Amino acid sequence: MSALSFSLVLAGVLLNAAAQLLLKAGTNAVGHFEFSAGNIVPVGLRLALEPFILGGVACYVVSLVVWIMALSRVEVSMAYPMLSIGYVINAVAAWYLFGESLTALRLTGIGSQYLIAMRGGDGEFLDGGRSYRLTLPADIPQSRFWSVILYD
């Protein structure tokens, strides 16, 4: 993946994460609501005119354009798993910005996302006919579940 392609994928992920955070800030500003036949117009207008929600929608639109540009350069099987970066960003940012809880169970769920590697340290695509060595840092938390799955 070239530097430009990686930058586009990462920008798409970050814009998507920012959109989520802005939408949450907007719904926090509006407060709890329910749509009904009698209030769909006033509630809809209140949501549509909320600056954080407008910012979130704008981030989504820009992220969509950036993501399409990224997908024109990168295989979707390489780009899509990178969306998991947004899970971590949103969990930490929601804890910091909105005071949302960041429990061990939630962290475990976020941590169970899959890392993917399709190229070796030499930059070449991994080849099932070759041997590789996986080196893990000495200070990893072994009390947590670790798994490595390889497919040929």
N, C-alpha and C. Protein backbone atom coordinates (compact mmCIF):
# COMPACT_ATOMS: atom_id res chain seq x y z
N MET A 1 0.86 -1.16 0.00
CA MET A 1 0.00 0.00 0.00
C MET A 1 0.91 1.23 0.00
N SER A 2 0.68 2.13 -0.92
CA SER A 2 1.50 3.33 -1.01
C SER A 2 1.16 4.30 0.13
N ALA A 3 2.02 5.29 0.31
CA ALA A 3 1.78 6.29 1.36
C ALA A 3 0.49 7.06 1.08
N LEU A 4 0.23 7.38 -0.18
CA LEU A 4 -1.01 8.09 -0.52
C LEU A 4 -2.23 7.23 -0.22
N SER A 5 -2.18 5.97 -0.61
CA SER A 5 -3.30 5.07 -0.36
C SER A 5 -3.57 4.92 1.13
N PHE A 6 -2.49 4.71 1.90
CA PHE A 6 -2.63 4.59 3.35
C PHE A 6 -3.21 5.87 3.94
N SER A 7 -2.74 7.01 3.46
CA SER A 7 -3.24 8.29 3.95
C SER A 7 -4.72 8.46 3.67
N LEU A 8 -5.17 8.03 2.50
CA LEU A 8 -6.59 8.12 2.17
C LEU A 8 -7.42 7.20 3.06
N VAL A 9 -6.95 5.98 3.26
CA VAL A 9 -7.67 5.04 4.13
C VAL A 9 -7.76 5.61 5.54
N LEU A 10 -6.63 6.06 6.06
CA LEU A 10 -6.60 6.59 7.42
C LEU A 10 -7.47 7.85 7.55
N ALA A 11 -7.42 8.73 6.56
CA ALA A 11 -8.25 9.94 6.58
C ALA A 11 -9.73 9.55 6.58
N GLY A 12 -10.10 8.55 5.78
CA GLY A 12 -11.49 8.09 5.76
C GLY A 12 -11.93 7.56 7.11
N VAL A 13 -11.05 6.79 7.75
CA VAL A 13 -11.35 6.23 9.07
C VAL A 13 -11.51 7.35 10.10
N LEU A 14 -10.57 8.30 10.10
CA LEU A 14 -10.60 9.38 11.08
C LEU A 14 -11.81 10.30 10.87
N LEU A 15 -12.15 10.57 9.63
CA LEU A 15 -13.34 11.39 9.35
C LEU A 15 -14.61 10.67 9.81
N ASN A 16 -14.66 9.36 9.60
CA ASN A 16 -15.81 8.58 10.04
C ASN A 16 -15.92 8.61 11.57
N ALA A 17 -14.79 8.47 12.25
CA ALA A 17 -14.78 8.53 13.72
C ALA A 17 -15.21 9.91 14.20
N ALA A 18 -14.72 10.95 13.55
CA ALA A 18 -15.11 12.32 13.92
C ALA A 18 -16.61 12.53 13.71
N ALA A 19 -17.15 11.95 12.65
CA ALA A 19 -18.59 12.07 12.40
C ALA A 19 -19.39 11.47 13.54
N GLN A 20 -18.99 10.30 14.01
CA GLN A 20 -19.68 9.66 15.13
C GLN A 20 -19.65 10.54 16.37
N LEU A 21 -18.49 11.10 16.67
CA LEU A 21 -18.35 11.93 17.86
C LEU A 21 -19.17 13.21 17.75
N LEU A 22 -19.20 13.80 16.58
CA LEU A 22 -20.01 15.01 16.38
C LEU A 22 -21.50 14.71 16.46
N LEU A 23 -21.92 13.58 15.91
CA LEU A 23 -23.33 13.20 16.01
C LEU A 23 -23.72 12.97 17.47
N LYS A 24 -22.84 12.35 18.24
CA LYS A 24 -23.12 12.13 19.66
C LYS A 24 -23.21 13.46 20.40
N ALA A 25 -22.29 14.37 20.10
CA ALA A 25 -22.35 15.70 20.73
C ALA A 25 -23.66 16.41 20.36
N GLY A 26 -24.09 16.22 19.13
CA GLY A 26 -25.36 16.83 18.69
C GLY A 26 -26.56 16.24 19.40
N THR A 27 -26.59 14.93 19.55
CA THR A 27 -27.72 14.32 20.25
C THR A 27 -27.68 14.64 21.73
N ASN A 28 -26.49 14.82 22.29
CA ASN A 28 -26.39 15.27 23.68
C ASN A 28 -26.98 16.67 23.83
N ALA A 29 -26.73 17.53 22.85
CA ALA A 29 -27.25 18.90 22.90
C ALA A 29 -28.76 18.93 22.74
N VAL A 30 -29.29 18.07 21.89
CA VAL A 30 -30.74 18.02 21.65
C VAL A 30 -31.44 17.32 22.81
N GLY A 31 -30.84 16.29 23.34
CA GLY A 31 -31.45 15.52 24.42
C GLY A 31 -32.26 14.35 23.87
N HIS A 32 -32.79 13.56 24.78
CA HIS A 32 -33.59 12.39 24.40
C HIS A 32 -34.83 12.84 23.64
N PHE A 33 -35.15 12.13 22.59
CA PHE A 33 -36.34 12.47 21.81
C PHE A 33 -36.91 11.21 21.20
N GLU A 34 -38.16 11.28 20.83
CA GLU A 34 -38.84 10.22 20.08
C GLU A 34 -39.65 10.88 18.98
N PHE A 35 -39.67 10.24 17.85
CA PHE A 35 -40.48 10.74 16.75
C PHE A 35 -41.90 10.22 16.87
N SER A 36 -42.83 11.09 16.59
CA SER A 36 -44.24 10.69 16.49
C SER A 36 -44.84 11.55 15.38
N ALA A 37 -46.03 11.22 14.98
CA ALA A 37 -46.68 11.98 13.91
C ALA A 37 -46.79 13.46 14.27
N GLY A 38 -47.00 13.76 15.55
CA GLY A 38 -47.19 15.14 15.97
C GLY A 38 -45.92 15.96 16.12
N ASN A 39 -44.76 15.30 16.27
CA ASN A 39 -43.54 16.08 16.51
C ASN A 39 -42.44 15.85 15.48
N ILE A 40 -42.73 15.15 14.41
CA ILE A 40 -41.66 14.82 13.46
C ILE A 40 -41.04 16.07 12.83
N VAL A 41 -41.85 17.08 12.56
CA VAL A 41 -41.31 18.30 11.94
C VAL A 41 -40.48 19.10 12.94
N PRO A 42 -40.99 19.43 14.13
CA PRO A 42 -40.15 20.22 15.04
C PRO A 42 -38.89 19.48 15.50
N VAL A 43 -39.00 18.19 15.79
CA VAL A 43 -37.81 17.43 16.20
C VAL A 43 -36.86 17.30 15.03
N GLY A 44 -37.38 17.02 13.86
CA GLY A 44 -36.54 16.92 12.66
C GLY A 44 -35.79 18.20 12.38
N LEU A 45 -36.46 19.35 12.52
CA LEU A 45 -35.80 20.64 12.31
C LEU A 45 -34.74 20.90 13.38
N ARG A 46 -35.06 20.55 14.60
CA ARG A 46 -34.10 20.75 15.69
C ARG A 46 -32.83 19.93 15.44
N LEU A 47 -33.00 18.69 14.98
CA LEU A 47 -31.84 17.86 14.66
C LEU A 47 -31.09 18.40 13.44
N ALA A 48 -31.84 18.80 12.43
CA ALA A 48 -31.24 19.26 11.18
C ALA A 48 -30.46 20.56 11.36
N LEU A 49 -30.85 21.37 12.34
CA LEU A 49 -30.20 22.66 12.55
C LEU A 49 -29.16 22.64 13.68
N GLU A 50 -28.98 21.51 14.33
CA GLU A 50 -27.99 21.39 15.40
C GLU A 50 -26.59 21.41 14.79
N PRO A 51 -25.73 22.37 15.16
CA PRO A 51 -24.41 22.50 14.53
C PRO A 51 -23.54 21.24 14.61
N PHE A 52 -23.55 20.54 15.76
CA PHE A 52 -22.74 19.32 15.85
C PHE A 52 -23.24 18.25 14.87
N ILE A 53 -24.54 18.14 14.72
CA ILE A 53 -25.08 17.15 13.78
C ILE A 53 -24.73 17.54 12.35
N LEU A 54 -24.83 18.83 12.04
CA LEU A 54 -24.42 19.29 10.70
C LEU A 54 -22.94 18.97 10.45
N GLY A 55 -22.11 19.18 11.47
CA GLY A 55 -20.69 18.85 11.33
C GLY A 55 -20.47 17.36 11.14
N GLY A 56 -21.24 16.54 11.86
CA GLY A 56 -21.13 15.10 11.71
C GLY A 56 -21.52 14.63 10.32
N VAL A 57 -22.61 15.18 9.81
CA VAL A 57 -23.04 14.83 8.45
C VAL A 57 -21.99 15.27 7.43
N ALA A 58 -21.42 16.46 7.62
CA ALA A 58 -20.38 16.94 6.71
C ALA A 58 -19.17 16.00 6.74
N CYS A 59 -18.78 15.55 7.93
CA CYS A 59 -17.66 14.60 8.03
C CYS A 59 -17.98 13.30 7.31
N TYR A 60 -19.22 12.83 7.43
CA TYR A 60 -19.61 11.62 6.72
C TYR A 60 -19.51 11.79 5.21
N VAL A 61 -19.98 12.92 4.71
CA VAL A 61 -19.94 13.16 3.26
C VAL A 61 -18.49 13.19 2.78
N VAL A 62 -17.65 13.93 3.48
CA VAL A 62 -16.24 14.00 3.07
C VAL A 62 -15.57 12.63 3.23
N SER A 63 -15.89 11.90 4.30
CA SER A 63 -15.29 10.58 4.50
C SER A 63 -15.71 9.62 3.39
N LEU A 64 -16.93 9.76 2.91
CA LEU A 64 -17.39 8.91 1.82
C LEU A 64 -16.58 9.17 0.55
N VAL A 65 -16.35 10.43 0.24
CA VAL A 65 -15.55 10.77 -0.95
C VAL A 65 -14.13 10.26 -0.79
N VAL A 66 -13.54 10.48 0.37
CA VAL A 66 -12.17 10.02 0.62
C VAL A 66 -12.10 8.50 0.57
N TRP A 67 -13.11 7.82 1.13
CA TRP A 67 -13.11 6.35 1.15
C TRP A 67 -13.22 5.80 -0.27
N ILE A 68 -14.04 6.42 -1.10
CA ILE A 68 -14.15 5.98 -2.50
C ILE A 68 -12.81 6.16 -3.21
N MET A 69 -12.14 7.27 -2.94
CA MET A 69 -10.81 7.48 -3.53
C MET A 69 -9.84 6.40 -3.05
N ALA A 70 -9.92 6.05 -1.76
CA ALA A 70 -9.04 5.01 -1.22
C ALA A 70 -9.33 3.67 -1.88
N LEU A 71 -10.62 3.33 -2.01
CA LEU A 71 -10.97 2.04 -2.60
C LEU A 71 -10.60 1.94 -4.07
N SER A 72 -10.42 3.07 -4.73
CA SER A 72 -9.97 3.03 -6.13
C SER A 72 -8.49 2.66 -6.22
N ARG A 73 -7.80 2.67 -5.08
CA ARG A 73 -6.37 2.39 -5.06
C ARG A 73 -6.00 1.13 -4.27
N VAL A 74 -6.89 0.70 -3.36
CA VAL A 74 -6.57 -0.39 -2.42
C VAL A 74 -7.68 -1.43 -2.49
N GLU A 75 -7.30 -2.68 -2.32
CA GLU A 75 -8.31 -3.75 -2.26
C GLU A 75 -9.15 -3.56 -1.01
N VAL A 76 -10.45 -3.80 -1.14
CA VAL A 76 -11.35 -3.61 -0.01
C VAL A 76 -10.98 -4.54 1.14
N SER A 77 -10.43 -5.70 0.84
CA SER A 77 -10.03 -6.63 1.90
C SER A 77 -8.86 -6.10 2.72
N MET A 78 -8.14 -5.12 2.21
CA MET A 78 -7.08 -4.48 2.98
C MET A 78 -7.59 -3.21 3.66
N ALA A 79 -8.47 -2.48 3.00
CA ALA A 79 -8.94 -1.20 3.53
C ALA A 79 -9.97 -1.38 4.65
N TYR A 80 -10.93 -2.25 4.45
CA TYR A 80 -12.05 -2.36 5.39
C TYR A 80 -11.63 -2.72 6.82
N PRO A 81 -10.70 -3.66 7.02
CA PRO A 81 -10.30 -3.96 8.40
C PRO A 81 -9.70 -2.76 9.14
N MET A 82 -9.21 -1.77 8.41
CA MET A 82 -8.63 -0.60 9.06
C MET A 82 -9.70 0.25 9.76
N LEU A 83 -10.96 0.00 9.45
CA LEU A 83 -12.03 0.73 10.15
C LEU A 83 -12.00 0.45 11.65
N SER A 84 -11.40 -0.67 12.06
CA SER A 84 -11.34 -0.99 13.48
C SER A 84 -10.52 0.04 14.26
N ILE A 85 -9.67 0.79 13.59
CA ILE A 85 -8.94 1.88 14.25
C ILE A 85 -9.94 2.88 14.83
N GLY A 86 -11.02 3.11 14.08
CA GLY A 86 -12.05 4.04 14.53
C GLY A 86 -12.74 3.59 15.81
N TYR A 87 -12.84 2.27 16.04
CA TYR A 87 -13.45 1.76 17.26
C TYR A 87 -12.66 2.23 18.48
N VAL A 88 -11.36 2.11 18.38
CA VAL A 88 -10.50 2.49 19.50
C VAL A 88 -10.55 4.00 19.71
N ILE A 89 -10.44 4.75 18.63
CA ILE A 89 -10.48 6.21 18.72
C ILE A 89 -11.78 6.67 19.35
N ASN A 90 -12.90 6.12 18.89
CA ASN A 90 -14.20 6.55 19.42
C ASN A 90 -14.38 6.16 20.88
N ALA A 91 -13.93 5.00 21.28
CA ALA A 91 -14.09 4.59 22.67
C ALA A 91 -13.31 5.51 23.60
N VAL A 92 -12.07 5.80 23.24
CA VAL A 92 -11.25 6.67 24.09
C VAL A 92 -11.77 8.10 24.06
N ALA A 93 -12.12 8.59 22.88
CA ALA A 93 -12.63 9.96 22.76
C ALA A 93 -13.96 10.12 23.48
N ALA A 94 -14.83 9.12 23.41
CA ALA A 94 -16.12 9.19 24.11
C ALA A 94 -15.92 9.20 25.62
N TRP A 95 -14.94 8.44 26.09
CA TRP A 95 -14.60 8.47 27.51
C TRP A 95 -14.11 9.85 27.91
N TYR A 96 -13.22 10.42 27.11
CA TYR A 96 -12.62 11.72 27.42
C TYR A 96 -13.62 12.86 27.25
N LEU A 97 -14.35 12.88 26.14
CA LEU A 97 -15.23 14.00 25.82
C LEU A 97 -16.59 13.94 26.51
N PHE A 98 -17.15 12.74 26.62
CA PHE A 98 -18.53 12.61 27.10
C PHE A 98 -18.65 11.90 28.44
N GLY A 99 -17.52 11.45 28.98
CA GLY A 99 -17.57 10.75 30.25
C GLY A 99 -18.17 9.36 30.16
N GLU A 100 -18.17 8.77 28.97
CA GLU A 100 -18.69 7.41 28.82
C GLU A 100 -17.74 6.43 29.49
N SER A 101 -18.30 5.33 29.95
CA SER A 101 -17.47 4.35 30.66
C SER A 101 -16.58 3.60 29.67
N LEU A 102 -15.43 3.22 30.18
CA LEU A 102 -14.48 2.45 29.39
C LEU A 102 -14.08 1.26 30.26
N THR A 103 -14.99 0.30 30.33
CA THR A 103 -14.83 -0.84 31.22
C THR A 103 -13.90 -1.90 30.62
N ALA A 104 -13.48 -2.83 31.46
CA ALA A 104 -12.64 -3.93 30.99
C ALA A 104 -13.36 -4.74 29.91
N LEU A 105 -14.66 -4.97 30.09
CA LEU A 105 -15.41 -5.72 29.10
C LEU A 105 -15.44 -4.99 27.76
N ARG A 106 -15.65 -3.70 27.81
CA ARG A 106 -15.67 -2.91 26.57
C ARG A 106 -14.30 -2.92 25.91
N LEU A 107 -13.25 -2.76 26.71
CA LEU A 107 -11.89 -2.79 26.16
C LEU A 107 -11.58 -4.15 25.55
N THR A 108 -12.05 -5.21 26.18
CA THR A 108 -11.84 -6.55 25.63
C THR A 108 -12.51 -6.68 24.27
N GLY A 109 -13.72 -6.16 24.16
CA GLY A 109 -14.43 -6.21 22.87
C GLY A 109 -13.70 -5.44 21.80
N ILE A 110 -13.20 -4.26 22.18
CA ILE A 110 -12.45 -3.46 21.21
C ILE A 110 -11.15 -4.16 20.85
N GLY A 111 -10.50 -4.74 21.85
CA GLY A 111 -9.21 -5.39 21.64
C GLY A 111 -9.30 -6.67 20.84
N SER A 112 -10.50 -7.19 20.66
CA SER A 112 -10.63 -8.45 19.93
C SER A 112 -10.68 -8.23 18.42
N GLN A 113 -10.49 -7.00 17.99
CA GLN A 113 -10.47 -6.74 16.56
C GLN A 113 -9.24 -7.40 15.95
N TYR A 114 -9.33 -7.71 14.72
CA TYR A 114 -8.27 -8.45 14.07
C TYR A 114 -7.27 -7.52 13.41
N LEU A 115 -6.00 -7.84 13.60
CA LEU A 115 -4.94 -7.19 12.85
C LEU A 115 -4.68 -8.04 11.63
N ILE A 116 -4.35 -7.41 10.54
CA ILE A 116 -4.12 -8.18 9.32
C ILE A 116 -2.79 -7.75 8.72
N ALA A 117 -2.05 -8.71 8.26
CA ALA A 117 -0.80 -8.43 7.56
C ALA A 117 -0.81 -9.24 6.28
N MET A 118 -0.51 -8.59 5.19
CA MET A 118 -0.47 -9.27 3.90
C MET A 118 0.93 -9.19 3.30
N ARG A 119 1.81 -8.40 3.95
CA ARG A 119 3.18 -8.27 3.47
C ARG A 119 4.13 -8.51 4.63
N GLY A 120 5.28 -9.05 4.32
CA GLY A 120 6.29 -9.30 5.33
C GLY A 120 7.12 -8.05 5.60
N GLY A 121 8.11 -8.19 6.48
CA GLY A 121 8.98 -7.08 6.83
C GLY A 121 9.76 -6.53 5.64
N ASP A 122 9.93 -7.36 4.60
CA ASP A 122 10.66 -6.91 3.41
C ASP A 122 9.75 -6.20 2.41
N GLY A 123 8.45 -6.09 2.74
CA GLY A 123 7.51 -5.40 1.85
C GLY A 123 6.88 -6.28 0.80
N GLU A 124 7.33 -7.52 0.69
CA GLU A 124 6.78 -8.45 -0.29
C GLU A 124 5.54 -9.13 0.27
N PHE A 125 4.61 -9.51 -0.63
CA PHE A 125 3.42 -10.22 -0.19
C PHE A 125 3.83 -11.54 0.49
N LEU A 126 3.11 -11.89 1.55
CA LEU A 126 3.38 -13.16 2.23
C LEU A 126 3.09 -14.31 1.29
N ASP A 127 3.90 -15.33 1.37
CA ASP A 127 3.81 -16.47 0.47
C ASP A 127 3.78 -17.74 1.30
N GLY A 128 2.75 -18.57 1.12
CA GLY A 128 2.60 -19.80 1.88
C GLY A 128 3.74 -20.78 1.69
N GLY A 129 4.54 -20.60 0.66
CA GLY A 129 5.66 -21.50 0.41
C GLY A 129 6.94 -21.09 1.14
N ARG A 130 6.90 -19.95 1.82
CA ARG A 130 8.09 -19.48 2.54
C ARG A 130 7.88 -19.60 4.05
N SER A 131 8.95 -19.48 4.81
CA SER A 131 8.89 -19.50 6.27
C SER A 131 9.07 -18.07 6.79
N TYR A 132 8.39 -17.78 7.89
CA TYR A 132 8.46 -16.46 8.50
C TYR A 132 8.63 -16.61 10.00
N ARG A 133 9.15 -15.59 10.64
CA ARG A 133 9.29 -15.58 12.09
C ARG A 133 8.47 -14.40 12.62
N LEU A 134 7.59 -14.67 13.57
CA LEU A 134 6.79 -13.65 14.23
C LEU A 134 7.44 -13.34 15.57
N THR A 135 7.84 -12.09 15.78
CA THR A 135 8.50 -11.69 17.01
C THR A 135 7.55 -10.78 17.78
N LEU A 136 7.25 -11.19 19.02
CA LEU A 136 6.38 -10.41 19.88
C LEU A 136 7.23 -9.71 20.94
N PRO A 137 6.82 -8.51 21.35
CA PRO A 137 7.59 -7.82 22.40
C PRO A 137 7.55 -8.60 23.71
N ALA A 138 8.60 -8.48 24.50
CA ALA A 138 8.72 -9.23 25.75
C ALA A 138 7.69 -8.80 26.78
N ASP A 139 7.20 -7.58 26.71
CA ASP A 139 6.33 -7.06 27.76
C ASP A 139 4.84 -7.09 27.40
N ILE A 140 4.43 -7.98 26.50
CA ILE A 140 3.01 -8.05 26.19
C ILE A 140 2.27 -8.67 27.37
N PRO A 141 1.01 -8.27 27.59
CA PRO A 141 0.27 -8.82 28.73
C PRO A 141 -0.20 -10.25 28.44
N GLN A 142 0.57 -11.25 28.89
CA GLN A 142 0.24 -12.63 28.58
C GLN A 142 -1.02 -13.12 29.27
N SER A 143 -1.51 -12.38 30.26
CA SER A 143 -2.73 -12.81 30.95
C SER A 143 -3.97 -12.64 30.06
N ARG A 144 -3.82 -11.91 28.99
CA ARG A 144 -4.94 -11.73 28.06
C ARG A 144 -4.84 -12.78 26.96
N PHE A 145 -5.92 -13.02 26.30
CA PHE A 145 -5.95 -14.02 25.25
C PHE A 145 -5.21 -13.54 24.01
N TRP A 146 -4.32 -14.37 23.52
CA TRP A 146 -3.59 -14.06 22.29
C TRP A 146 -3.78 -15.20 21.32
N SER A 147 -3.95 -14.87 20.08
CA SER A 147 -4.15 -15.89 19.08
C SER A 147 -3.55 -15.40 17.76
N VAL A 148 -2.94 -16.30 17.06
CA VAL A 148 -2.44 -16.00 15.73
C VAL A 148 -3.01 -17.05 14.80
N ILE A 149 -3.67 -16.61 13.76
CA ILE A 149 -4.24 -17.53 12.78
C ILE A 149 -3.64 -17.19 11.42
N LEU A 150 -3.19 -18.20 10.74
CA LEU A 150 -2.57 -18.02 9.44
C LEU A 150 -3.39 -18.75 8.39
N TYR A 151 -3.57 -18.12 7.27
CA TYR A 151 -4.26 -18.74 6.14
C TYR A 151 -3.35 -18.75 4.95
N ASP A 152 -3.39 -19.81 4.19
CA ASP A 152 -2.58 -19.91 2.98
C ASP A 152 -3.45 -19.61 1.79
